[in-house]
Amino acid sequence: MGYSVKWVVENLGITRDMLRYYEKEKLLSTNESRNPTNKYRDYSDEDIERIWGIKLLIGIGFTAKEIYALMNDPDFDFDTAIAKKVAELERKHDENLIYLEFAKSIKFMGRVPTTSKIGSIKFDDFLEYAHENWNIYDGPRSAPFMQMADTLISKAPQDWSPDDVERILEMFENFDAEGMMHTYALHGYYQVISDMKDLGYDSDTVQRVVKLLHEYLVGHNMEPELDGKITPQFIAKYTAPFFLGGDIALQHERNYGKAGCLFIAQALAYYGGYDIDDL
């Protein structure tokens, strides 16, 4: 039985251009058999097996040159070659996982991690630093919270699965009293600021509340590496954006509304000497 080009395209997921490429690279014989009815090329069972194998090998990273050697060079060491491909795939998997976690962190925070000065650090060194310090989906303390946040943001309560409910309850069970009070305290500050929209974000009253929030954050800082760094400018650059974009802003909008979030961001930015367009 012969297989038409159309059959190969539809059943093996190979494009006509790829078939021509296989022939050009001498991976597939050009000694064509023709269907006597329509004069189009037919592929044999052997051709189909070869096309299948070529596609798999290309998919795991073999080049056309390597595949040709595998098929034609008796001295080609397949065991060594496949071991090398496994190592390369594992490395790429690790890199892809890092970028996936970064993408999820960026989606949540609405910010792209960067350096304070372009060229001050090599990209690979920055990637390693950011993975260790910025990747909230990979941290042992933050990962459970992020899983819960994903559920809260992406699903309405009536759509939660039993696993979702269990994950959320487990997260709250692991919240200590101090952590819960801290969460409620922050919510209180943000709610008060949001409720003062009519005063203007640059009013003395609003800015006094922001200053109290700043003092609270400094006094309740649990991260040693931030000691002495939580300045008004820090508040503006690293807190205000969370009310402007990303999944975290969507969560804030549920509490304070879109207008409230914009006002909070403006108030925090102004406190640090910024306009929100400059963040």
C-alpha atoms as a PDB file:
ATOM      1  CA  MET A   1       0.000   0.000   0.000  1.00  0.00           C
ATOM      2  CA  GLY A   2       1.263   3.475  -0.851  1.00  0.00           C
ATOM      3  CA  TYR A   3       0.709   6.599   1.236  1.00  0.00           C
ATOM      4  CA  SER A   4       0.037   9.930  -0.449  1.00  0.00           C
ATOM      5  CA  VAL A   5       1.682  13.207   0.468  1.00  0.00           C
ATOM      6  CA  LYS A   6      -1.695  14.374   1.766  1.00  0.00           C
ATOM      7  CA  TRP A   7      -1.918  11.326   4.057  1.00  0.00           C
ATOM      8  CA  VAL A   8       1.592  11.931   5.407  1.00  0.00           C
ATOM      9  CA  VAL A   9       0.849  15.611   6.075  1.00  0.00           C
ATOM     10  CA  GLU A  10      -2.429  14.871   7.860  1.00  0.00           C
ATOM     11  CA  ASN A  11      -1.340  11.815   9.862  1.00  0.00           C
ATOM     12  CA  LEU A  12       2.315  12.465  10.682  1.00  0.00           C
ATOM     13  CA  GLY A  13       2.156  16.226  11.107  1.00  0.00           C
ATOM     14  CA  ILE A  14       4.854  16.760   8.469  1.00  0.00           C
ATOM     15  CA  THR A  15       4.582  19.691   6.093  1.00  0.00           C
ATOM     16  CA  ARG A  16       5.362  19.410   2.406  1.00  0.00           C
ATOM     17  CA  ASP A  17       8.319  21.743   2.939  1.00  0.00           C
ATOM     18  CA  MET A  18       9.703  19.407   5.601  1.00  0.00           C
ATOM     19  CA  LEU A  19       9.390  16.417   3.266  1.00  0.00           C
ATOM     20  CA  ARG A  20      11.344  18.326   0.635  1.00  0.00           C
ATOM     21  CA  TYR A  21      13.910  19.259   3.305  1.00  0.00           C
ATOM     22  CA  TYR A  22      14.342  15.605   4.293  1.00  0.00           C
ATOM     23  CA  GLU A  23      14.964  14.750   0.652  1.00  0.00           C
ATOM     24  CA  LYS A  24      17.393  17.659   0.206  1.00  0.00           C
ATOM     25  CA  GLU A  25      19.408  16.498   3.227  1.00  0.00           C
ATOM     26  CA  LYS A  26      19.372  12.933   1.846  1.00  0.00           C
ATOM     27  CA  LEU A  27      17.447  11.628   4.832  1.00  0.00           C
ATOM     28  CA  LEU A  28      14.680  10.396   2.579  1.00  0.00           C
ATOM     29  CA  SER A  29      15.098   8.665  -0.731  1.00  0.00           C
ATOM     30  CA  THR A  30      14.190  10.630  -3.842  1.00  0.00           C
ATOM     31  CA  ASN A  31      13.534   7.432  -5.777  1.00  0.00           C
ATOM     32  CA  GLU A  32       9.866   8.163  -6.033  1.00  0.00           C
ATOM     33  CA  SER A  33       7.041   5.755  -6.648  1.00  0.00           C
ATOM     34  CA  ARG A  34       4.002   7.249  -8.304  1.00  0.00           C
ATOM     35  CA  ASN A  35       0.339   6.537  -7.855  1.00  0.00           C
ATOM     36  CA  PRO A  36      -0.762   5.309 -11.281  1.00  0.00           C
ATOM     37  CA  THR A  37      -4.141   7.021 -10.881  1.00  0.00           C
ATOM     38  CA  ASN A  38      -3.101  10.605 -10.141  1.00  0.00           C
ATOM     39  CA  LYS A  39       0.669  10.456 -10.770  1.00  0.00           C
ATOM     40  CA  TYR A  40       1.409  11.902  -7.305  1.00  0.00           C
ATOM     41  CA  ARG A  41       4.183  10.484  -5.172  1.00  0.00           C
ATOM     42  CA  ASP A  42       3.429   7.555  -2.896  1.00  0.00           C
ATOM     43  CA  TYR A  43       5.376   6.668   0.255  1.00  0.00           C
ATOM     44  CA  SER A  44       6.030   3.074   1.268  1.00  0.00           C
ATOM     45  CA  ASP A  45       5.751   1.561   4.744  1.00  0.00           C
ATOM     46  CA  GLU A  46       9.522   1.865   5.009  1.00  0.00           C
ATOM     47  CA  ASP A  47       9.322   5.563   4.073  1.00  0.00           C
ATOM     48  CA  ILE A  48       6.668   6.148   6.726  1.00  0.00           C
ATOM     49  CA  GLU A  49       8.795   4.495   9.417  1.00  0.00           C
ATOM     50  CA  ARG A  50      11.787   6.567   8.358  1.00  0.00           C
ATOM     51  CA  ILE A  51       9.825   9.839   8.340  1.00  0.00           C
ATOM     52  CA  TRP A  52       8.471   9.008  11.800  1.00  0.00           C
ATOM     53  CA  GLY A  53      11.966   8.339  13.135  1.00  0.00           C
ATOM     54  CA  ILE A  54      13.437  11.461  11.534  1.00  0.00           C
ATOM     55  CA  LYS A  55      10.736  13.640  13.060  1.00  0.00           C
ATOM     56  CA  LEU A  56      11.341  12.176  16.526  1.00  0.00           C
ATOM     57  CA  LEU A  57      15.117  12.621  16.292  1.00  0.00           C
ATOM     58  CA  ILE A  58      14.785  16.225  15.099  1.00  0.00           C
ATOM     59  CA  GLY A  59      12.311  16.835  17.913  1.00  0.00           C
ATOM     60  CA  ILE A  60      14.860  15.850  20.555  1.00  0.00           C
ATOM     61  CA  GLY A  61      17.577  17.982  19.014  1.00  0.00           C
ATOM     62  CA  PHE A  62      19.429  15.941  16.414  1.00  0.00           C
ATOM     63  CA  THR A  63      20.532  17.873  13.330  1.00  0.00           C
ATOM     64  CA  ALA A  64      19.999  16.640   9.797  1.00  0.00           C
ATOM     65  CA  LYS A  65      23.749  16.044   9.541  1.00  0.00           C
ATOM     66  CA  GLU A  66      23.719  13.897  12.684  1.00  0.00           C
ATOM     67  CA  ILE A  67      20.713  11.908  11.488  1.00  0.00           C
ATOM     68  CA  TYR A  68      22.404  11.282   8.133  1.00  0.00           C
ATOM     69  CA  ALA A  69      25.505  10.022   9.940  1.00  0.00           C
ATOM     70  CA  LEU A  70      23.360   7.793  12.146  1.00  0.00           C
ATOM     71  CA  MET A  71      21.765   6.250   9.060  1.00  0.00           C
ATOM     72  CA  ASN A  72      24.898   5.893   6.956  1.00  0.00           C
ATOM     73  CA  ASP A  73      28.058   5.943   9.104  1.00  0.00           C
ATOM     74  CA  PRO A  74      28.779   2.580  10.777  1.00  0.00           C
ATOM     75  CA  ASP A  75      31.156   4.320  13.193  1.00  0.00           C
ATOM     76  CA  PHE A  76      28.520   6.774  14.448  1.00  0.00           C
ATOM     77  CA  ASP A  77      28.247   6.340  18.237  1.00  0.00           C
ATOM     78  CA  PHE A  78      24.514   6.589  18.907  1.00  0.00           C
ATOM     79  CA  ASP A  79      24.814   5.908  22.654  1.00  0.00           C
ATOM     80  CA  THR A  80      27.166   8.845  23.127  1.00  0.00           C
ATOM     81  CA  ALA A  81      25.056  11.072  20.890  1.00  0.00           C
ATOM     82  CA  ILE A  82      21.771  10.328  22.666  1.00  0.00           C
ATOM     83  CA  ALA A  83      23.420  10.798  26.084  1.00  0.00           C
ATOM     84  CA  LYS A  84      24.569  14.231  24.928  1.00  0.00           C
ATOM     85  CA  LYS A  85      21.054  15.102  23.745  1.00  0.00           C
ATOM     86  CA  VAL A  86      19.598  14.044  27.096  1.00  0.00           C
ATOM     87  CA  ALA A  87      22.044  16.360  28.886  1.00  0.00           C
ATOM     88  CA  GLU A  88      21.154  19.222  26.528  1.00  0.00           C
ATOM     89  CA  LEU A  89      17.416  18.643  26.993  1.00  0.00           C
ATOM     90  CA  GLU A  90      17.815  18.599  30.783  1.00  0.00           C
ATOM     91  CA  ARG A  91      19.714  21.895  30.639  1.00  0.00           C
ATOM     92  CA  LYS A  92      17.070  23.452  28.387  1.00  0.00           C
ATOM     93  CA  HIS A  93      14.337  22.116  30.660  1.00  0.00           C
ATOM     94  CA  ASP A  94      15.940  23.816  33.660  1.00  0.00           C
ATOM     95  CA  GLU A  95      16.293  27.070  31.699  1.00  0.00           C
ATOM     96  CA  ASN A  96      12.706  26.880  30.455  1.00  0.00           C
ATOM     97  CA  LEU A  97      11.480  26.223  33.989  1.00  0.00           C
ATOM     98  CA  ILE A  98      13.296  29.322  35.232  1.00  0.00           C
ATOM     99  CA  TYR A  99      11.763  31.433  32.483  1.00  0.00           C
ATOM    100  CA  LEU A 100       8.325  29.929  33.116  1.00  0.00           C
ATOM    101  CA  GLU A 101       8.581  30.870  36.796  1.00  0.00           C
ATOM    102  CA  PHE A 102       9.798  34.343  35.811  1.00  0.00           C
ATOM    103  CA  ALA A 103       6.887  34.740  33.417  1.00  0.00           C
ATOM    104  CA  LYS A 104       4.414  33.784  36.139  1.00  0.00           C
ATOM    105  CA  SER A 105       6.092  36.179  38.588  1.00  0.00           C
ATOM    106  CA  ILE A 106       5.964  38.992  36.025  1.00  0.00           C
ATOM    107  CA  LYS A 107       2.314  38.205  35.294  1.00  0.00           C
ATOM    108  CA  PHE A 108       1.498  38.377  38.992  1.00  0.00           C
ATOM    109  CA  MET A 109       3.512  41.489  39.824  1.00  0.00           C
ATOM    110  CA  GLY A 110       3.131  43.363  36.555  1.00  0.00           C
ATOM    111  CA  ARG A 111       6.850  44.197  36.604  1.00  0.00           C
ATOM    112  CA  VAL A 112       9.894  43.003  34.694  1.00  0.00           C
ATOM    113  CA  PRO A 113      13.002  42.417  36.847  1.00  0.00           C
ATOM    114  CA  THR A 114      15.916  44.545  35.712  1.00  0.00           C
ATOM    115  CA  THR A 115      19.120  46.093  36.986  1.00  0.00           C
ATOM    116  CA  SER A 116      19.425  49.658  38.177  1.00  0.00           C
ATOM    117  CA  LYS A 117      21.995  50.286  35.441  1.00  0.00           C
ATOM    118  CA  ILE A 118      22.195  48.428  32.140  1.00  0.00           C
ATOM    119  CA  GLY A 119      25.630  46.878  31.705  1.00  0.00           C
ATOM    120  CA  SER A 120      26.402  46.812  35.414  1.00  0.00           C
ATOM    121  CA  ILE A 121      26.018  43.025  35.560  1.00  0.00           C
ATOM    122  CA  LYS A 122      26.288  40.186  33.059  1.00  0.00           C
ATOM    123  CA  PHE A 123      22.940  38.771  31.988  1.00  0.00           C
ATOM    124  CA  ASP A 124      23.736  35.233  33.188  1.00  0.00           C
ATOM    125  CA  ASP A 125      24.756  36.585  36.601  1.00  0.00           C
ATOM    126  CA  PHE A 126      21.590  38.682  36.770  1.00  0.00           C
ATOM    127  CA  LEU A 127      19.490  35.660  35.793  1.00  0.00           C
ATOM    128  CA  GLU A 128      20.991  33.647  38.625  1.00  0.00           C
ATOM    129  CA  TYR A 129      20.500  36.501  41.111  1.00  0.00           C
ATOM    130  CA  ALA A 130      16.910  37.107  40.015  1.00  0.00           C
ATOM    131  CA  HIS A 131      16.110  33.398  40.220  1.00  0.00           C
ATOM    132  CA  GLU A 132      17.342  33.312  43.809  1.00  0.00           C
ATOM    133  CA  ASN A 133      15.846  36.614  44.949  1.00  0.00           C
ATOM    134  CA  TRP A 134      12.926  37.586  42.732  1.00  0.00           C
ATOM    135  CA  ASN A 135      11.257  34.361  41.714  1.00  0.00           C
ATOM    136  CA  ILE A 136       8.252  34.238  44.026  1.00  0.00           C
ATOM    137  CA  TYR A 137       6.895  31.052  42.451  1.00  0.00           C
ATOM    138  CA  ASP A 138      10.010  29.111  43.444  1.00  0.00           C
ATOM    139  CA  GLY A 139      10.583  30.304  47.003  1.00  0.00           C
ATOM    140  CA  PRO A 140       9.788  27.843  49.798  1.00  0.00           C
ATOM    141  CA  ARG A 141       7.923  30.532  51.743  1.00  0.00           C
ATOM    142  CA  SER A 142       6.177  32.258  48.865  1.00  0.00           C
ATOM    143  CA  ALA A 143       5.294  29.306  46.599  1.00  0.00           C
ATOM    144  CA  PRO A 144       2.306  28.069  48.680  1.00  0.00           C
ATOM    145  CA  PHE A 145       0.927  31.607  48.837  1.00  0.00           C
ATOM    146  CA  MET A 146       1.330  32.018  45.077  1.00  0.00           C
ATOM    147  CA  GLN A 147      -0.571  28.793  44.429  1.00  0.00           C
ATOM    148  CA  MET A 148      -3.401  30.113  46.578  1.00  0.00           C
ATOM    149  CA  ALA A 149      -3.239  33.516  44.870  1.00  0.00           C
ATOM    150  CA  ASP A 150      -3.499  31.867  41.453  1.00  0.00           C
ATOM    151  CA  THR A 151      -6.715  30.185  42.546  1.00  0.00           C
ATOM    152  CA  LEU A 152      -8.190  33.346  44.066  1.00  0.00           C
ATOM    153  CA  ILE A 153      -7.409  35.401  40.974  1.00  0.00           C
ATOM    154  CA  SER A 154      -8.268  32.930  38.234  1.00  0.00           C
ATOM    155  CA  LYS A 155     -11.432  31.338  39.637  1.00  0.00           C
ATOM    156  CA  ALA A 156     -14.669  32.453  41.220  1.00  0.00           C
ATOM    157  CA  PRO A 157     -15.373  30.693  44.563  1.00  0.00           C
ATOM    158  CA  GLN A 158     -18.157  28.606  43.015  1.00  0.00           C
ATOM    159  CA  ASP A 159     -15.613  27.214  40.527  1.00  0.00           C
ATOM    160  CA  TRP A 160     -13.124  26.053  43.150  1.00  0.00           C
ATOM    161  CA  SER A 161     -12.365  22.349  43.071  1.00  0.00           C
ATOM    162  CA  PRO A 162     -11.989  20.325  46.302  1.00  0.00           C
ATOM    163  CA  ASP A 163      -8.208  20.555  45.822  1.00  0.00           C
ATOM    164  CA  ASP A 164      -8.447  24.343  45.501  1.00  0.00           C
ATOM    165  CA  VAL A 165     -10.437  24.589  48.730  1.00  0.00           C
ATOM    166  CA  GLU A 166      -7.973  22.324  50.520  1.00  0.00           C
ATOM    167  CA  ARG A 167      -5.018  24.382  49.295  1.00  0.00           C
ATOM    168  CA  ILE A 168      -6.587  27.653  50.423  1.00  0.00           C
ATOM    169  CA  LEU A 169      -7.563  26.298  53.835  1.00  0.00           C
ATOM    170  CA  GLU A 170      -4.113  24.807  54.324  1.00  0.00           C
ATOM    171  CA  MET A 171      -2.536  28.149  53.511  1.00  0.00           C
ATOM    172  CA  PHE A 172      -4.650  29.942  56.106  1.00  0.00           C
ATOM    173  CA  GLU A 173      -3.973  27.214  58.675  1.00  0.00           C
ATOM    174  CA  ASN A 174      -0.255  27.849  58.211  1.00  0.00           C
ATOM    175  CA  PHE A 175      -0.694  31.576  58.733  1.00  0.00           C
ATOM    176  CA  ASP A 176       0.536  32.494  62.184  1.00  0.00           C
ATOM    177  CA  ALA A 177      -1.289  35.142  64.181  1.00  0.00           C
ATOM    178  CA  GLU A 178       1.394  37.734  63.548  1.00  0.00           C
ATOM    179  CA  GLY A 179       1.280  37.154  59.799  1.00  0.00           C
ATOM    180  CA  MET A 180      -2.495  37.429  59.767  1.00  0.00           C
ATOM    181  CA  MET A 181      -2.414  40.666  61.771  1.00  0.00           C
ATOM    182  CA  HIS A 182       0.205  42.067  59.397  1.00  0.00           C
ATOM    183  CA  THR A 183      -2.040  41.316  56.414  1.00  0.00           C
ATOM    184  CA  TYR A 184      -5.021  42.991  58.040  1.00  0.00           C
ATOM    185  CA  ALA A 185      -2.919  45.995  59.075  1.00  0.00           C
ATOM    186  CA  LEU A 186      -1.756  46.587  55.500  1.00  0.00           C
ATOM    187  CA  HIS A 187      -5.299  46.228  54.237  1.00  0.00           C
ATOM    188  CA  GLY A 188      -6.394  48.819  56.798  1.00  0.00           C
ATOM    189  CA  TYR A 189      -3.815  51.357  55.641  1.00  0.00           C
ATOM    190  CA  TYR A 190      -4.684  50.848  51.983  1.00  0.00           C
ATOM    191  CA  GLN A 191      -8.405  51.061  52.687  1.00  0.00           C
ATOM    192  CA  VAL A 192      -8.015  54.358  54.560  1.00  0.00           C
ATOM    193  CA  ILE A 193      -5.916  55.834  51.741  1.00  0.00           C
ATOM    194  CA  SER A 194      -8.436  54.672  49.149  1.00  0.00           C
ATOM    195  CA  ASP A 195     -11.310  56.206  51.099  1.00  0.00           C
ATOM    196  CA  MET A 196      -9.615  59.628  51.008  1.00  0.00           C
ATOM    197  CA  LYS A 197      -9.722  59.989  47.223  1.00  0.00           C
ATOM    198  CA  ASP A 198     -11.653  63.252  47.444  1.00  0.00           C
ATOM    199  CA  LEU A 199      -8.761  64.909  49.282  1.00  0.00           C
ATOM    200  CA  GLY A 200      -6.209  64.423  46.511  1.00  0.00           C
ATOM    201  CA  TYR A 201      -3.212  62.089  46.715  1.00  0.00           C
ATOM    202  CA  ASP A 202      -0.829  64.973  47.417  1.00  0.00           C
ATOM    203  CA  SER A 203      -2.825  66.369  50.352  1.00  0.00           C
ATOM    204  CA  ASP A 204      -1.135  66.587  53.741  1.00  0.00           C
ATOM    205  CA  THR A 205      -3.685  64.243  55.299  1.00  0.00           C
ATOM    206  CA  VAL A 206      -3.198  61.489  52.726  1.00  0.00           C
ATOM    207  CA  GLN A 207       0.574  61.829  52.857  1.00  0.00           C
ATOM    208  CA  ARG A 208       0.509  61.582  56.666  1.00  0.00           C
ATOM    209  CA  VAL A 209      -1.267  58.222  56.358  1.00  0.00           C
ATOM    210  CA  VAL A 210       1.288  57.068  53.773  1.00  0.00           C
ATOM    211  CA  LYS A 211       4.056  58.101  56.177  1.00  0.00           C
ATOM    212  CA  LEU A 212       2.409  56.009  58.910  1.00  0.00           C
ATOM    213  CA  LEU A 213       2.280  53.080  56.475  1.00  0.00           C
ATOM    214  CA  HIS A 214       5.972  53.576  55.740  1.00  0.00           C
ATOM    215  CA  GLU A 215       6.836  53.608  59.434  1.00  0.00           C
ATOM    216  CA  TYR A 216       4.763  50.467  59.952  1.00  0.00           C
ATOM    217  CA  LEU A 217       6.584  48.638  57.149  1.00  0.00           C
ATOM    218  CA  VAL A 218       9.968  49.626  58.546  1.00  0.00           C
ATOM    219  CA  GLY A 219       8.992  48.583  62.062  1.00  0.00           C
ATOM    220  CA  HIS A 220       7.586  45.223  60.978  1.00  0.00           C
ATOM    221  CA  ASN A 221      10.172  44.285  58.368  1.00  0.00           C
ATOM    222  CA  MET A 222      10.968  40.556  58.556  1.00  0.00           C
ATOM    223  CA  GLU A 223      13.616  40.498  55.815  1.00  0.00           C
ATOM    224  CA  PRO A 224      17.149  41.266  57.114  1.00  0.00           C
ATOM    225  CA  GLU A 225      18.385  42.174  53.629  1.00  0.00           C
ATOM    226  CA  LEU A 226      15.889  45.075  53.572  1.00  0.00           C
ATOM    227  CA  ASP A 227      17.071  46.642  56.820  1.00  0.00           C
ATOM    228  CA  GLY A 228      17.720  50.327  56.166  1.00  0.00           C
ATOM    229  CA  LYS A 229      16.490  50.084  52.569  1.00  0.00           C
ATOM    230  CA  ILE A 230      12.769  50.711  52.995  1.00  0.00           C
ATOM    231  CA  THR A 231      12.928  54.384  52.067  1.00  0.00           C
ATOM    232  CA  PRO A 232      10.159  56.566  50.614  1.00  0.00           C
ATOM    233  CA  GLN A 233      11.704  55.910  47.204  1.00  0.00           C
ATOM    234  CA  PHE A 234      11.596  52.151  47.852  1.00  0.00           C
ATOM    235  CA  ILE A 235       7.918  52.386  48.793  1.00  0.00           C
ATOM    236  CA  ALA A 236       7.188  54.293  45.591  1.00  0.00           C
ATOM    237  CA  LYS A 237       9.111  52.008  43.239  1.00  0.00           C
ATOM    238  CA  TYR A 238       8.302  48.622  44.740  1.00  0.00           C
ATOM    239  CA  THR A 239       4.844  49.019  46.279  1.00  0.00           C
ATOM    240  CA  ALA A 240       2.931  51.486  44.109  1.00  0.00           C
ATOM    241  CA  PRO A 241       3.229  49.361  40.910  1.00  0.00           C
ATOM    242  CA  PHE A 242       1.409  46.484  42.613  1.00  0.00           C
ATOM    243  CA  PHE A 243      -1.750  48.599  42.382  1.00  0.00           C
ATOM    244  CA  LEU A 244      -1.297  49.370  38.695  1.00  0.00           C
ATOM    245  CA  GLY A 245      -0.702  46.127  36.830  1.00  0.00           C
ATOM    246  CA  GLY A 246      -0.442  42.376  36.966  1.00  0.00           C
ATOM    247  CA  ASP A 247      -2.545  39.797  38.741  1.00  0.00           C
ATOM    248  CA  ILE A 248      -1.769  41.328  42.117  1.00  0.00           C
ATOM    249  CA  ALA A 249      -3.421  44.576  40.967  1.00  0.00           C
ATOM    250  CA  LEU A 250      -6.520  42.614  39.971  1.00  0.00           C
ATOM    251  CA  GLN A 251      -6.673  41.229  43.494  1.00  0.00           C
ATOM    252  CA  HIS A 252      -6.285  44.728  44.959  1.00  0.00           C
ATOM    253  CA  GLU A 253      -9.040  46.017  42.666  1.00  0.00           C
ATOM    254  CA  ARG A 254     -11.454  43.584  44.283  1.00  0.00           C
ATOM    255  CA  ASN A 255     -10.765  45.263  47.612  1.00  0.00           C
ATOM    256  CA  TYR A 256     -10.346  48.933  46.687  1.00  0.00           C
ATOM    257  CA  GLY A 257     -11.782  49.276  43.180  1.00  0.00           C
ATOM    258  CA  LYS A 258      -9.885  50.407  40.108  1.00  0.00           C
ATOM    259  CA  ALA A 259     -10.099  54.092  41.036  1.00  0.00           C
ATOM    260  CA  GLY A 260      -9.008  53.296  44.586  1.00  0.00           C
ATOM    261  CA  CYS A 261      -5.973  51.361  43.352  1.00  0.00           C
ATOM    262  CA  LEU A 262      -4.956  54.211  41.072  1.00  0.00           C
ATOM    263  CA  PHE A 263      -5.261  56.672  43.955  1.00  0.00           C
ATOM    264  CA  ILE A 264      -3.201  54.456  46.293  1.00  0.00           C
ATOM    265  CA  ALA A 265      -0.484  54.130  43.637  1.00  0.00           C
ATOM    266  CA  GLN A 266      -0.450  57.892  43.077  1.00  0.00           C
ATOM    267  CA  ALA A 267      -0.203  58.560  46.811  1.00  0.00           C
ATOM    268  CA  LEU A 268       2.653  56.076  47.298  1.00  0.00           C
ATOM    269  CA  ALA A 269       4.502  57.345  44.232  1.00  0.00           C
ATOM    270  CA  TYR A 270       4.151  60.971  45.324  1.00  0.00           C
ATOM    271  CA  TYR A 271       5.472  60.070  48.774  1.00  0.00           C
ATOM    272  CA  GLY A 272       8.684  58.824  47.166  1.00  0.00           C
ATOM    273  CA  GLY A 273       9.009  61.795  44.847  1.00  0.00           C
ATOM    274  CA  TYR A 274       7.730  60.029  41.737  1.00  0.00           C
ATOM    275  CA  ASP A 275       4.889  60.273  39.291  1.00  0.00           C
ATOM    276  CA  ILE A 276       3.266  56.921  38.516  1.00  0.00           C
ATOM    277  CA  ASP A 277       4.281  57.311  34.856  1.00  0.00           C
ATOM    278  CA  ASP A 278       7.930  57.265  35.966  1.00  0.00           C
ATOM    279  CA  LEU A 279       7.747  53.983  37.868  1.00  0.00           C
END
